[in-house]
Structures are given as C-alpha cells and as structure tokens.
C-alpha atoms as a PDB file:
ATOM      1  CA  MET A   1     -10.832 175.424  64.064  1.00  0.00           C
ATOM      2  CA  ALA A   2     -11.023 171.993  62.417  1.00  0.00           C
ATOM      3  CA  ALA A   3     -14.237 170.931  60.735  1.00  0.00           C
ATOM      4  CA  GLN A   4     -16.342 168.749  62.997  1.00  0.00           C
ATOM      5  CA  THR A   5     -16.680 165.274  61.501  1.00  0.00           C
ATOM      6  CA  VAL A   6     -19.121 163.801  64.026  1.00  0.00           C
ATOM      7  CA  SER A   7     -22.383 165.235  65.300  1.00  0.00           C
ATOM      8  CA  ASP A   8     -23.085 165.616  69.008  1.00  0.00           C
ATOM      9  CA  ALA A   9     -25.866 163.025  68.725  1.00  0.00           C
ATOM     10  CA  GLN A  10     -23.630 160.441  67.042  1.00  0.00           C
ATOM     11  CA  TRP A  11     -20.760 161.083  69.478  1.00  0.00           C
ATOM     12  CA  ASN A  12     -23.063 160.657  72.489  1.00  0.00           C
ATOM     13  CA  HIS A  13     -24.863 157.603  71.086  1.00  0.00           C
ATOM     14  CA  PHE A  14     -21.550 155.861  70.344  1.00  0.00           C
ATOM     15  CA  HIS A  15     -20.349 156.490  73.900  1.00  0.00           C
ATOM     16  CA  GLU A  16     -23.635 155.183  75.332  1.00  0.00           C
ATOM     17  CA  VAL A  17     -23.405 151.982  73.286  1.00  0.00           C
ATOM     18  CA  VAL A  18     -19.688 151.480  73.956  1.00  0.00           C
ATOM     19  CA  ASN A  19     -20.019 151.124  77.713  1.00  0.00           C
ATOM     20  CA  MET A  20     -16.659 149.461  78.423  1.00  0.00           C
ATOM     21  CA  SER A  21     -13.598 151.567  79.145  1.00  0.00           C
ATOM     22  CA  SER A  22     -10.676 151.409  76.746  1.00  0.00           C
ATOM     23  CA  ARG A  23      -8.730 149.444  79.366  1.00  0.00           C
ATOM     24  CA  GLU A  24     -11.541 146.920  79.813  1.00  0.00           C
ATOM     25  CA  LEU A  25     -11.881 146.507  76.056  1.00  0.00           C
ATOM     26  CA  ARG A  26      -8.125 146.181  75.560  1.00  0.00           C
ATOM     27  CA  ASP A  27      -7.987 143.503  78.277  1.00  0.00           C
ATOM     28  CA  TRP A  28     -11.007 141.722  76.801  1.00  0.00           C
ATOM     29  CA  LEU A  29      -9.592 141.651  73.285  1.00  0.00           C
ATOM     30  CA  GLY A  30      -6.375 140.151  74.677  1.00  0.00           C
ATOM     31  CA  VAL A  31      -8.276 137.149  76.076  1.00  0.00           C
ATOM     32  CA  ASP A  32      -8.546 133.952  74.063  1.00  0.00           C
ATOM     33  CA  THR A  33     -12.019 132.862  75.142  1.00  0.00           C
ATOM     34  CA  GLU A  34     -11.248 129.255  74.180  1.00  0.00           C
ATOM     35  CA  ASP A  35      -8.508 129.048  76.802  1.00  0.00           C
ATOM     36  CA  ALA A  36      -9.336 131.511  79.559  1.00  0.00           C
ATOM     37  CA  ALA A  37     -12.333 132.635  81.547  1.00  0.00           C
ATOM     38  CA  GLY A  38     -13.220 136.298  81.469  1.00  0.00           C
ATOM     39  CA  GLU A  39     -12.199 136.509  85.116  1.00  0.00           C
ATOM     40  CA  ALA A  40      -8.580 136.402  83.948  1.00  0.00           C
ATOM     41  CA  ALA A  41      -9.111 139.689  82.138  1.00  0.00           C
ATOM     42  CA  GLY A  42     -10.924 141.285  85.028  1.00  0.00           C
ATOM     43  CA  VAL A  43     -14.321 140.921  83.353  1.00  0.00           C
ATOM     44  CA  ALA A  44     -16.580 139.415  85.980  1.00  0.00           C
ATOM     45  CA  GLY A  45     -19.143 136.763  85.196  1.00  0.00           C
ATOM     46  CA  VAL A  46     -17.842 135.656  81.803  1.00  0.00           C
ATOM     47  CA  ASP A  47     -17.413 131.951  81.209  1.00  0.00           C
ATOM     48  CA  ALA A  48     -15.026 130.617  78.605  1.00  0.00           C
ATOM     49  CA  GLY A  49     -16.865 130.151  75.353  1.00  0.00           C
ATOM     50  CA  PRO A  50     -16.445 130.103  71.596  1.00  0.00           C
ATOM     51  CA  PRO A  51     -14.021 132.591  70.084  1.00  0.00           C
ATOM     52  CA  ALA A  52     -15.517 135.898  69.041  1.00  0.00           C
ATOM     53  CA  ASP A  53     -16.312 136.590  65.417  1.00  0.00           C
ATOM     54  CA  PRO A  54     -13.135 137.974  63.765  1.00  0.00           C
ATOM     55  CA  GLU A  55     -15.120 140.902  62.343  1.00  0.00           C
ATOM     56  CA  ASP A  56     -16.328 141.797  65.859  1.00  0.00           C
ATOM     57  CA  ARG A  57     -12.745 141.697  67.168  1.00  0.00           C
ATOM     58  CA  ASP A  58     -11.562 143.874  64.270  1.00  0.00           C
ATOM     59  CA  LEU A  59     -14.326 146.338  65.086  1.00  0.00           C
ATOM     60  CA  GLY A  60     -13.253 146.203  68.725  1.00  0.00           C
ATOM     61  CA  ARG A  61      -9.726 147.173  67.741  1.00  0.00           C
ATOM     62  CA  ARG A  62     -11.125 150.081  65.720  1.00  0.00           C
ATOM     63  CA  VAL A  63     -13.241 151.103  68.740  1.00  0.00           C
ATOM     64  CA  LEU A  64     -10.050 151.132  70.816  1.00  0.00           C
ATOM     65  CA  ASP A  65      -8.413 153.397  68.244  1.00  0.00           C
ATOM     66  CA  ILE A  66     -11.412 155.738  68.336  1.00  0.00           C
ATOM     67  CA  LEU A  67     -11.529 155.798  72.145  1.00  0.00           C
ATOM     68  CA  GLY A  68      -7.869 156.830  72.108  1.00  0.00           C
ATOM     69  CA  LYS A  69      -8.512 159.869  69.924  1.00  0.00           C
ATOM     70  CA  ARG A  70      -9.773 163.332  70.651  1.00  0.00           C
ATOM     71  CA  ARG A  71     -13.067 164.096  68.991  1.00  0.00           C
ATOM     72  CA  THR A  72     -11.409 166.684  66.750  1.00  0.00           C
ATOM     73  CA  ASP A  73      -8.927 164.063  65.494  1.00  0.00           C
ATOM     74  CA  LEU A  74     -11.555 161.646  64.179  1.00  0.00           C
ATOM     75  CA  THR A  75     -11.463 160.868  60.480  1.00  0.00           C
ATOM     76  CA  ARG A  76     -14.466 160.293  58.229  1.00  0.00           C
ATOM     77  CA  ASP A  77     -13.568 156.568  58.363  1.00  0.00           C
ATOM     78  CA  ASP A  78     -13.653 156.677  62.187  1.00  0.00           C
ATOM     79  CA  VAL A  79     -17.127 158.242  62.063  1.00  0.00           C
ATOM     80  CA  ASP A  80     -18.279 155.510  59.657  1.00  0.00           C
ATOM     81  CA  VAL A  81     -16.921 152.846  62.028  1.00  0.00           C
ATOM     82  CA  MET A  82     -18.732 154.482  64.937  1.00  0.00           C
ATOM     83  CA  GLY A  83     -22.011 154.234  63.043  1.00  0.00           C
ATOM     84  CA  HIS A  84     -21.318 150.629  62.051  1.00  0.00           C
ATOM     85  CA  VAL A  85     -20.535 149.616  65.649  1.00  0.00           C
ATOM     86  CA  VAL A  86     -23.694 151.280  66.985  1.00  0.00           C
ATOM     87  CA  ALA A  87     -25.849 149.561  64.345  1.00  0.00           C
ATOM     88  CA  ARG A  88     -24.216 146.161  64.884  1.00  0.00           C
ATOM     89  CA  VAL A  89     -24.524 146.311  68.685  1.00  0.00           C
ATOM     90  CA  GLU A  90     -28.155 147.405  68.446  1.00  0.00           C
ATOM     91  CA  ARG A  91     -28.895 144.587  66.002  1.00  0.00           C
ATOM     92  CA  LEU A  92     -27.261 142.008  68.304  1.00  0.00           C
ATOM     93  CA  ARG A  93     -29.146 143.370  71.306  1.00  0.00           C
ATOM     94  CA  GLY A  94     -32.354 142.760  69.373  1.00  0.00           C
ATOM     95  CA  GLY A  95     -35.533 142.762  71.382  1.00  0.00           C
ATOM     96  CA  LEU A  96     -33.996 142.039  74.756  1.00  0.00           C
ATOM     97  CA  PRO A  97     -35.261 144.203  77.601  1.00  0.00           C
ATOM     98  CA  GLU A  98     -33.502 147.438  78.491  1.00  0.00           C
ATOM     99  CA  GLU A  99     -32.291 146.109  81.816  1.00  0.00           C
ATOM    100  CA  PRO A 100     -28.999 144.226  81.775  1.00  0.00           C
ATOM    101  CA  ALA A 101     -29.358 140.834  80.082  1.00  0.00           C
ATOM    102  CA  ALA A 102     -26.495 138.777  78.718  1.00  0.00           C
ATOM    103  CA  GLY A 103     -28.356 136.292  76.543  1.00  0.00           C
ATOM    104  CA  THR A 104     -26.012 133.507  75.512  1.00  0.00           C
ATOM    105  CA  ASP A 105     -22.291 133.510  76.305  1.00  0.00           C
ATOM    106  CA  ARG A 106     -21.572 133.759  72.579  1.00  0.00           C
ATOM    107  CA  ARG A 107     -23.814 136.810  72.242  1.00  0.00           C
ATOM    108  CA  ARG A 108     -22.246 138.528  75.246  1.00  0.00           C
ATOM    109  CA  HIS A 109     -18.749 137.762  73.959  1.00  0.00           C
ATOM    110  CA  ARG A 110     -19.596 139.237  70.549  1.00  0.00           C
ATOM    111  CA  LEU A 111     -21.000 142.397  72.111  1.00  0.00           C
ATOM    112  CA  MET A 112     -18.059 142.764  74.480  1.00  0.00           C
ATOM    113  CA  SER A 113     -15.632 142.390  71.581  1.00  0.00           C
ATOM    114  CA  MET A 114     -17.105 145.635  70.230  1.00  0.00           C
ATOM    115  CA  GLY A 115     -17.010 147.435  73.612  1.00  0.00           C
ATOM    116  CA  HIS A 116     -20.565 146.790  74.836  1.00  0.00           C
ATOM    117  CA  ASP A 117     -21.116 144.764  78.020  1.00  0.00           C
ATOM    118  CA  PRO A 118     -24.831 143.853  78.069  1.00  0.00           C
ATOM    119  CA  LEU A 119     -24.692 143.220  81.822  1.00  0.00           C
ATOM    120  CA  ARG A 120     -23.686 146.790  82.556  1.00  0.00           C
ATOM    121  CA  ALA A 121     -26.684 148.946  83.333  1.00  0.00           C
ATOM    122  CA  GLY A 122     -27.068 152.329  81.742  1.00  0.00           C
END
C-alpha cells in the first residue's frame, strides 16, 4: 500500500472549496474573458470582464491535474498546491456571507479560475 500523502481533512476541504467539475473548470480556463461571455463556456451568469490573474489560471491548471488523479497518485507537490488553492480561495472569499455571493466580476472570475464558483451553494 502506498503511503498516504494527503489527510482525509485536507482531501475533503479541497473538494469542498473546488466546487466546479473538472469539465466546467477546463471549459472556463479555455475562455478568454476579454472576448467571450461565460455563457459561451456553459458557465451561466458570467459577464465578460478583465482577464484572470495568470497565477490564478496556473493554479487552475494544477487543480485540473489534481482532479484528474486518484488520491493515491498525488505527489507532495500536489498536496502543497491543494493547500495553496484552499488558502487563496478562502482569502479571496474574505468576509462575504456563506450564501452564494459573486462580489465583483473580477473576483468571481479569479475564484472560478481556481475551480471555485462563488454562486454555487454548498
């Protein structure tokens, strides 16, 4: 049996924070938000806005890689990225209420680039 590199708590927390499916995230990352509305990617309610932060998009690509792996195949680097994504999303969410709230388009785009849609409940 391979050594477990991620705790149950971290695994579950990551999958709570990353609330977009790998397909939704892949579609979202393929959208140039300067040229196309989110509707084109199947992401409802997203208006065209400023391009996402390149670091957020890079993290989004890493999230896609992680979502495509089995838990037992995660590397220590993957686990570090999971922790970084959770911390970054929680920081961007700030003090907004627990119920779905988008904030600004730019904020929602940044969060979605890392796999978190703030308008999705739960």
